[in-house]
């Protein structure tokens, strides 16, 4: 698994309420785990949800390629560039037409 910093927990006033429906067995497990960690159930659930959200965000930020594909990609970006006459001419002709939005 990834080495992740602790999920950031917002410390100011909470202003959104969510309702959660659970199976009795799940509620008992959560209650026991929250008690074992010294947290109230709502804090335990919120921290667990934030940690899961962080995991999903990290996975969305990753690109995973098979080794063979990664090697081909690396070779392609490290290869010397090639001048393509028609493209080079178009680039010169379009100079000043496009600007950086940043």
C-alpha atoms as a PDB file:
ATOM      1  CA  UNK A   1       0.000   0.000   0.000  1.00  0.00           C
ATOM      2  CA  UNK A   2       1.046   3.623  -0.289  1.00  0.00           C
ATOM      3  CA  UNK A   3       2.756   5.453   2.530  1.00  0.00           C
ATOM      4  CA  UNK A   4       0.222   8.149   3.229  1.00  0.00           C
ATOM      5  CA  UNK A   5       0.197  11.018   5.654  1.00  0.00           C
ATOM      6  CA  UNK A   6      -2.709  10.935   8.089  1.00  0.00           C
ATOM      7  CA  UNK A   7      -5.992  12.053   6.615  1.00  0.00           C
ATOM      8  CA  UNK A   8      -6.425  15.751   7.271  1.00  0.00           C
ATOM      9  CA  UNK A   9      -9.337  16.322   9.590  1.00  0.00           C
ATOM     10  CA  UNK A  10     -10.925  19.749   9.453  1.00  0.00           C
ATOM     11  CA  UNK A  11     -11.047  21.264  12.912  1.00  0.00           C
ATOM     12  CA  UNK A  12     -13.526  24.112  12.484  1.00  0.00           C
ATOM     13  CA  UNK A  13     -17.301  23.956  12.941  1.00  0.00           C
ATOM     14  CA  UNK A  14     -19.035  21.244  10.949  1.00  0.00           C
ATOM     15  CA  UNK A  15     -21.962  22.485   8.902  1.00  0.00           C
ATOM     16  CA  UNK A  16     -23.050  19.454   6.851  1.00  0.00           C
ATOM     17  CA  UNK A  17     -24.946  16.514   8.237  1.00  0.00           C
ATOM     18  CA  UNK A  18     -25.042  13.012   6.713  1.00  0.00           C
ATOM     19  CA  UNK A  19     -27.272  10.146   7.712  1.00  0.00           C
ATOM     20  CA  UNK A  20     -25.881   6.620   7.662  1.00  0.00           C
ATOM     21  CA  UNK A  21     -27.817   3.355   7.622  1.00  0.00           C
ATOM     22  CA  UNK A  22     -25.913   0.289   8.856  1.00  0.00           C
ATOM     23  CA  UNK A  23     -26.465  -3.378   9.512  1.00  0.00           C
ATOM     24  CA  UNK A  24     -26.454  -4.105  13.244  1.00  0.00           C
ATOM     25  CA  UNK A  25     -23.296  -6.192  12.936  1.00  0.00           C
ATOM     26  CA  UNK A  26     -21.470  -3.367  11.158  1.00  0.00           C
ATOM     27  CA  UNK A  27     -22.561  -0.869  13.783  1.00  0.00           C
ATOM     28  CA  UNK A  28     -21.259  -3.124  16.540  1.00  0.00           C
ATOM     29  CA  UNK A  29     -17.863  -3.473  14.810  1.00  0.00           C
ATOM     30  CA  UNK A  30     -17.603   0.280  14.325  1.00  0.00           C
ATOM     31  CA  UNK A  31     -18.588   0.955  17.944  1.00  0.00           C
ATOM     32  CA  UNK A  32     -15.951  -1.506  19.194  1.00  0.00           C
ATOM     33  CA  UNK A  33     -13.230  -0.121  16.904  1.00  0.00           C
ATOM     34  CA  UNK A  34     -14.048   3.463  17.850  1.00  0.00           C
ATOM     35  CA  UNK A  35     -13.879   2.581  21.539  1.00  0.00           C
ATOM     36  CA  UNK A  36     -10.563   0.789  21.028  1.00  0.00           C
ATOM     37  CA  UNK A  37      -9.084   3.914  19.443  1.00  0.00           C
ATOM     38  CA  UNK A  38     -10.577   6.285  22.000  1.00  0.00           C
ATOM     39  CA  UNK A  39     -12.749   8.060  19.443  1.00  0.00           C
ATOM     40  CA  UNK A  40     -16.435   8.741  19.364  1.00  0.00           C
ATOM     41  CA  UNK A  41     -18.201   6.755  16.667  1.00  0.00           C
ATOM     42  CA  UNK A  42     -18.894   9.809  14.511  1.00  0.00           C
ATOM     43  CA  UNK A  43     -15.232  10.872  14.618  1.00  0.00           C
ATOM     44  CA  UNK A  44     -14.115   7.334  13.841  1.00  0.00           C
ATOM     45  CA  UNK A  45     -16.469   7.088  10.845  1.00  0.00           C
ATOM     46  CA  UNK A  46     -15.485  10.546   9.574  1.00  0.00           C
ATOM     47  CA  UNK A  47     -11.760   9.783   9.836  1.00  0.00           C
ATOM     48  CA  UNK A  48     -12.220   6.418   8.103  1.00  0.00           C
ATOM     49  CA  UNK A  49     -14.179   8.064   5.269  1.00  0.00           C
ATOM     50  CA  UNK A  50     -11.531  10.785   4.868  1.00  0.00           C
ATOM     51  CA  UNK A  51      -8.755   8.193   4.740  1.00  0.00           C
ATOM     52  CA  UNK A  52     -10.621   6.249   2.049  1.00  0.00           C
ATOM     53  CA  UNK A  53     -11.217   9.459   0.080  1.00  0.00           C
ATOM     54  CA  UNK A  54      -7.483  10.170   0.273  1.00  0.00           C
ATOM     55  CA  UNK A  55      -6.698   6.675  -1.045  1.00  0.00           C
ATOM     56  CA  UNK A  56      -9.062   7.172  -3.991  1.00  0.00           C
ATOM     57  CA  UNK A  57      -7.577  10.602  -4.766  1.00  0.00           C
ATOM     58  CA  UNK A  58      -4.076   9.112  -4.801  1.00  0.00           C
ATOM     59  CA  UNK A  59      -5.104   6.288  -7.120  1.00  0.00           C
ATOM     60  CA  UNK A  60      -6.721   8.761  -9.500  1.00  0.00           C
ATOM     61  CA  UNK A  61      -3.461  10.725  -9.605  1.00  0.00           C
ATOM     62  CA  UNK A  62      -1.410   7.665 -10.630  1.00  0.00           C
ATOM     63  CA  UNK A  63      -0.831   6.208 -14.053  1.00  0.00           C
ATOM     64  CA  UNK A  64       0.073   2.544 -13.932  1.00  0.00           C
ATOM     65  CA  UNK A  65       1.608   0.974 -17.024  1.00  0.00           C
ATOM     66  CA  UNK A  66       2.894  -2.538 -17.629  1.00  0.00           C
ATOM     67  CA  UNK A  67       6.728  -2.552 -17.562  1.00  0.00           C
ATOM     68  CA  UNK A  68       6.982  -3.179 -21.314  1.00  0.00           C
ATOM     69  CA  UNK A  69       4.719  -0.210 -22.085  1.00  0.00           C
ATOM     70  CA  UNK A  70       6.573   2.022 -19.614  1.00  0.00           C
ATOM     71  CA  UNK A  71       9.906   1.101 -21.189  1.00  0.00           C
ATOM     72  CA  UNK A  72       8.569   1.958 -24.665  1.00  0.00           C
ATOM     73  CA  UNK A  73       7.206   5.276 -23.359  1.00  0.00           C
ATOM     74  CA  UNK A  74      10.519   6.126 -21.691  1.00  0.00           C
ATOM     75  CA  UNK A  75      12.434   5.293 -24.869  1.00  0.00           C
ATOM     76  CA  UNK A  76      10.097   7.471 -26.932  1.00  0.00           C
ATOM     77  CA  UNK A  77      10.434  10.549 -24.727  1.00  0.00           C
ATOM     78  CA  UNK A  78      14.217  10.127 -24.436  1.00  0.00           C
ATOM     79  CA  UNK A  79      14.743   9.683 -28.178  1.00  0.00           C
ATOM     80  CA  UNK A  80      16.135  12.670 -30.070  1.00  0.00           C
ATOM     81  CA  UNK A  81      13.488  14.851 -31.661  1.00  0.00           C
ATOM     82  CA  UNK A  82      12.798  14.817 -35.372  1.00  0.00           C
ATOM     83  CA  UNK A  83      12.026  17.791 -37.563  1.00  0.00           C
ATOM     84  CA  UNK A  84       8.899  17.192 -39.581  1.00  0.00           C
ATOM     85  CA  UNK A  85       9.002  19.801 -42.381  1.00  0.00           C
ATOM     86  CA  UNK A  86       5.268  20.326 -42.759  1.00  0.00           C
ATOM     87  CA  UNK A  87       4.758  20.573 -38.989  1.00  0.00           C
ATOM     88  CA  UNK A  88       7.705  22.906 -38.558  1.00  0.00           C
ATOM     89  CA  UNK A  89       6.331  25.157 -41.311  1.00  0.00           C
ATOM     90  CA  UNK A  90       2.860  25.177 -39.691  1.00  0.00           C
ATOM     91  CA  UNK A  91       4.394  26.069 -36.322  1.00  0.00           C
ATOM     92  CA  UNK A  92       6.256  29.016 -37.816  1.00  0.00           C
ATOM     93  CA  UNK A  93       3.113  30.155 -39.636  1.00  0.00           C
ATOM     94  CA  UNK A  94       0.969  30.003 -36.493  1.00  0.00           C
ATOM     95  CA  UNK A  95       3.385  31.983 -34.341  1.00  0.00           C
ATOM     96  CA  UNK A  96       1.466  34.606 -32.395  1.00  0.00           C
ATOM     97  CA  UNK A  97      -1.956  33.062 -33.087  1.00  0.00           C
ATOM     98  CA  UNK A  98      -2.051  31.077 -29.870  1.00  0.00           C
ATOM     99  CA  UNK A  99      -1.363  32.434 -26.427  1.00  0.00           C
ATOM    100  CA  UNK A 100      -0.899  30.744 -23.093  1.00  0.00           C
ATOM    101  CA  UNK A 101      -4.025  31.029 -20.963  1.00  0.00           C
ATOM    102  CA  UNK A 102      -1.905  31.077 -17.785  1.00  0.00           C
END
